């Protein structure tokens, strides 16, 4: 995959493709990036910001199993 952010100064853009892309079907997408997004539009990465959004789907009877669920799954799947 190639990803590059450029600031064109003309109506043309030349893209150098790796050899392994020659004679293959490829897709390219061009869209403008926002240079200064408004504070409300900036993505939030804080877990506090998303906390609770899955609460309606919680199964209260399984909450006690959460701490050991991963380890139990690995034991069940791989027997280790």
N, C-alpha and C. Protein backbone atom coordinates (compact mmCIF):
# COMPACT_ATOMS: atom_id res chain seq x y z
N UNK A 1 0.85 -1.18 0.00
CA UNK A 1 0.00 0.00 0.00
C UNK A 1 0.89 1.23 0.00
N UNK A 2 0.46 2.21 -0.71
CA UNK A 2 1.17 3.48 -0.75
C UNK A 2 0.23 4.54 -0.21
N UNK A 3 0.71 5.31 0.72
CA UNK A 3 -0.07 6.44 1.22
C UNK A 3 0.86 7.63 1.33
N UNK A 4 0.48 8.71 0.71
CA UNK A 4 1.31 9.90 0.71
C UNK A 4 0.41 11.11 0.75
N UNK A 5 0.79 12.08 1.54
CA UNK A 5 0.06 13.34 1.60
C UNK A 5 0.92 14.39 0.91
N UNK A 6 0.36 15.02 -0.10
CA UNK A 6 1.11 16.02 -0.87
C UNK A 6 0.30 17.30 -0.97
N UNK A 7 0.98 18.38 -1.32
CA UNK A 7 0.32 19.65 -1.58
C UNK A 7 0.65 20.02 -3.04
N UNK A 8 -0.25 19.69 -3.97
CA UNK A 8 0.03 19.96 -5.39
C UNK A 8 0.13 21.45 -5.68
N UNK A 9 1.00 21.77 -6.60
CA UNK A 9 1.16 23.17 -7.02
C UNK A 9 0.73 23.35 -8.47
N UNK A 10 0.17 22.30 -9.05
CA UNK A 10 -0.25 22.33 -10.45
C UNK A 10 -1.48 21.44 -10.60
N UNK A 11 -2.03 21.37 -11.81
CA UNK A 11 -3.21 20.56 -12.07
C UNK A 11 -2.86 19.10 -12.34
N UNK A 12 -1.59 18.77 -12.38
CA UNK A 12 -1.17 17.40 -12.65
C UNK A 12 -0.39 16.85 -11.47
N UNK A 13 -0.51 15.54 -11.28
CA UNK A 13 0.21 14.85 -10.23
C UNK A 13 0.75 13.55 -10.82
N UNK A 14 2.03 13.31 -10.65
CA UNK A 14 2.65 12.10 -11.18
C UNK A 14 2.93 11.15 -10.02
N UNK A 15 2.55 9.90 -10.19
CA UNK A 15 2.71 8.90 -9.15
C UNK A 15 3.69 7.84 -9.63
N UNK A 16 4.72 7.58 -8.85
CA UNK A 16 5.68 6.52 -9.16
C UNK A 16 5.19 5.24 -8.50
N UNK A 17 4.97 4.19 -9.31
CA UNK A 17 4.45 2.94 -8.78
C UNK A 17 5.58 1.92 -8.59
N UNK A 18 5.50 1.11 -7.55
CA UNK A 18 6.47 0.03 -7.37
C UNK A 18 6.32 -1.01 -8.48
N UNK A 19 7.39 -1.74 -8.76
CA UNK A 19 7.36 -2.74 -9.84
C UNK A 19 6.26 -3.78 -9.63
N UNK A 20 6.01 -4.17 -8.37
CA UNK A 20 5.01 -5.22 -8.14
C UNK A 20 3.59 -4.77 -8.46
N UNK A 21 3.37 -3.48 -8.67
CA UNK A 21 2.04 -2.98 -9.03
C UNK A 21 1.82 -2.99 -10.54
N UNK A 22 2.87 -3.17 -11.33
CA UNK A 22 2.75 -3.14 -12.79
C UNK A 22 1.95 -4.36 -13.24
N UNK A 23 1.05 -4.15 -14.17
CA UNK A 23 0.16 -5.17 -14.73
C UNK A 23 -0.81 -5.75 -13.70
N UNK A 24 -1.10 -4.99 -12.66
CA UNK A 24 -2.11 -5.38 -11.68
C UNK A 24 -3.19 -4.31 -11.66
N UNK A 25 -4.35 -4.73 -11.26
CA UNK A 25 -5.43 -3.78 -11.08
C UNK A 25 -5.18 -3.03 -9.78
N UNK A 26 -5.21 -1.71 -9.80
CA UNK A 26 -5.00 -0.91 -8.61
C UNK A 26 -6.13 0.11 -8.50
N UNK A 27 -6.26 0.68 -7.33
CA UNK A 27 -7.27 1.72 -7.10
C UNK A 27 -6.56 2.92 -6.50
N UNK A 28 -6.87 4.09 -6.97
CA UNK A 28 -6.36 5.28 -6.32
C UNK A 28 -7.52 6.22 -6.03
N UNK A 29 -7.43 6.87 -4.89
CA UNK A 29 -8.49 7.77 -4.42
C UNK A 29 -7.83 9.08 -4.05
N UNK A 30 -8.38 10.17 -4.50
CA UNK A 30 -7.85 11.49 -4.17
C UNK A 30 -8.96 12.31 -3.54
N UNK A 31 -8.70 12.85 -2.38
CA UNK A 31 -9.65 13.72 -1.72
C UNK A 31 -8.89 14.74 -0.89
N UNK A 32 -9.46 15.93 -0.71
CA UNK A 32 -8.77 16.96 0.06
C UNK A 32 -8.81 16.67 1.56
N UNK A 33 -7.74 17.00 2.24
CA UNK A 33 -7.69 16.89 3.69
C UNK A 33 -8.01 18.25 4.29
N UNK A 34 -8.66 18.23 5.43
CA UNK A 34 -8.91 19.50 6.12
C UNK A 34 -7.59 19.96 6.73
N UNK A 35 -7.25 21.22 6.51
CA UNK A 35 -5.98 21.70 7.04
C UNK A 35 -6.09 22.07 8.51
N UNK A 36 -7.19 22.66 8.93
CA UNK A 36 -7.39 23.05 10.33
C UNK A 36 -8.79 22.66 10.77
N UNK A 37 -8.99 21.40 11.16
CA UNK A 37 -10.34 21.02 11.59
C UNK A 37 -10.75 21.76 12.86
N UNK A 38 -12.03 21.99 12.96
CA UNK A 38 -12.56 22.64 14.16
C UNK A 38 -12.38 21.70 15.34
N UNK A 39 -12.22 22.24 16.55
CA UNK A 39 -12.01 21.37 17.71
C UNK A 39 -13.08 20.30 17.87
N UNK A 40 -14.32 20.60 17.53
CA UNK A 40 -15.39 19.61 17.68
C UNK A 40 -15.29 18.51 16.63
N UNK A 41 -14.54 18.73 15.53
CA UNK A 41 -14.40 17.74 14.48
C UNK A 41 -13.17 16.87 14.65
N UNK A 42 -12.30 17.20 15.60
CA UNK A 42 -11.10 16.41 15.80
C UNK A 42 -11.49 15.08 16.43
N UNK A 43 -10.88 13.98 15.96
CA UNK A 43 -11.22 12.68 16.53
C UNK A 43 -10.80 12.58 17.99
N UNK A 44 -11.61 11.92 18.75
CA UNK A 44 -11.33 11.73 20.17
C UNK A 44 -10.73 10.35 20.37
N UNK A 45 -9.60 10.30 21.05
CA UNK A 45 -8.97 9.00 21.29
C UNK A 45 -9.09 8.58 22.74
N UNK A 46 -9.67 9.38 23.55
CA UNK A 46 -9.79 9.07 24.96
C UNK A 46 -10.85 7.99 25.19
N UNK A 47 -10.49 7.00 25.99
CA UNK A 47 -11.47 5.96 26.32
C UNK A 47 -12.63 6.53 27.12
N UNK A 48 -12.38 7.59 27.87
CA UNK A 48 -13.45 8.22 28.63
C UNK A 48 -14.54 8.75 27.71
N UNK A 49 -14.15 9.18 26.51
CA UNK A 49 -15.12 9.76 25.58
C UNK A 49 -16.08 8.72 25.03
N UNK A 50 -15.66 7.47 24.96
CA UNK A 50 -16.52 6.43 24.40
C UNK A 50 -17.08 5.50 25.47
N UNK A 51 -16.66 5.71 26.68
CA UNK A 51 -17.10 4.84 27.77
C UNK A 51 -18.62 4.82 27.89
N UNK A 52 -19.16 3.63 27.97
CA UNK A 52 -20.59 3.49 28.18
C UNK A 52 -21.43 3.38 26.92
N UNK A 53 -20.85 3.56 25.74
CA UNK A 53 -21.71 3.51 24.55
C UNK A 53 -22.18 2.10 24.23
N UNK A 54 -21.50 1.09 24.75
CA UNK A 54 -21.95 -0.28 24.51
C UNK A 54 -22.78 -0.82 25.67
N UNK A 55 -23.01 -0.01 26.66
CA UNK A 55 -23.76 -0.43 27.84
C UNK A 55 -25.11 -1.07 27.52
N UNK A 56 -25.87 -0.56 26.54
CA UNK A 56 -27.16 -1.19 26.25
C UNK A 56 -27.04 -2.65 25.81
N UNK A 57 -25.85 -3.06 25.35
CA UNK A 57 -25.67 -4.42 24.86
C UNK A 57 -25.01 -5.34 25.90
N UNK A 58 -24.75 -4.84 27.08
CA UNK A 58 -24.08 -5.61 28.12
C UNK A 58 -24.98 -6.73 28.62
N UNK A 59 -24.34 -7.85 28.95
CA UNK A 59 -25.05 -8.99 29.55
C UNK A 59 -24.61 -9.06 31.01
N UNK A 60 -25.41 -8.53 31.93
CA UNK A 60 -25.00 -8.46 33.34
C UNK A 60 -24.55 -9.79 33.91
N UNK A 61 -25.12 -10.89 33.45
CA UNK A 61 -24.74 -12.20 33.98
C UNK A 61 -23.33 -12.63 33.57
N UNK A 62 -22.73 -11.94 32.59
CA UNK A 62 -21.40 -12.32 32.11
C UNK A 62 -20.30 -11.37 32.58
N UNK A 63 -20.64 -10.33 33.32
CA UNK A 63 -19.65 -9.34 33.75
C UNK A 63 -18.56 -9.98 34.59
N UNK A 64 -18.90 -10.93 35.45
CA UNK A 64 -17.91 -11.58 36.30
C UNK A 64 -16.92 -12.41 35.48
N UNK A 65 -17.30 -12.84 34.29
CA UNK A 65 -16.44 -13.67 33.45
C UNK A 65 -15.43 -12.86 32.64
N UNK A 66 -15.60 -11.53 32.58
CA UNK A 66 -14.76 -10.70 31.72
C UNK A 66 -13.28 -10.79 32.05
N UNK A 67 -12.92 -10.84 33.31
CA UNK A 67 -11.51 -10.83 33.70
C UNK A 67 -10.76 -12.06 33.17
N UNK A 68 -11.42 -13.18 33.07
CA UNK A 68 -10.73 -14.40 32.65
C UNK A 68 -11.17 -14.90 31.27
N UNK A 69 -11.97 -14.13 30.56
CA UNK A 69 -12.53 -14.60 29.29
C UNK A 69 -11.46 -14.89 28.25
N UNK A 70 -10.46 -14.03 28.12
CA UNK A 70 -9.43 -14.24 27.10
C UNK A 70 -8.64 -15.50 27.40
N UNK A 71 -8.19 -15.67 28.63
CA UNK A 71 -7.41 -16.84 29.00
C UNK A 71 -8.22 -18.12 28.79
N UNK A 72 -9.47 -18.11 29.13
CA UNK A 72 -10.32 -19.28 28.94
C UNK A 72 -10.51 -19.60 27.46
N UNK A 73 -10.64 -18.58 26.65
CA UNK A 73 -10.79 -18.78 25.20
C UNK A 73 -9.53 -19.43 24.62
N UNK A 74 -8.35 -18.95 25.03
CA UNK A 74 -7.10 -19.51 24.53
C UNK A 74 -6.99 -20.98 24.96
N UNK A 75 -7.33 -21.27 26.20
CA UNK A 75 -7.28 -22.66 26.69
C UNK A 75 -8.24 -23.55 25.89
N UNK A 76 -9.43 -23.02 25.62
CA UNK A 76 -10.42 -23.79 24.88
C UNK A 76 -9.99 -24.03 23.43
N UNK A 77 -9.41 -23.00 22.82
CA UNK A 77 -9.05 -23.10 21.41
C UNK A 77 -7.75 -23.88 21.18
N UNK A 78 -6.74 -23.61 22.03
CA UNK A 78 -5.43 -24.20 21.80
C UNK A 78 -5.04 -25.25 22.84
N UNK A 79 -5.81 -25.38 23.88
CA UNK A 79 -5.53 -26.37 24.90
C UNK A 79 -4.25 -26.13 25.67
N UNK A 80 -3.87 -24.86 25.81
CA UNK A 80 -2.63 -24.51 26.52
C UNK A 80 -2.92 -23.70 27.74
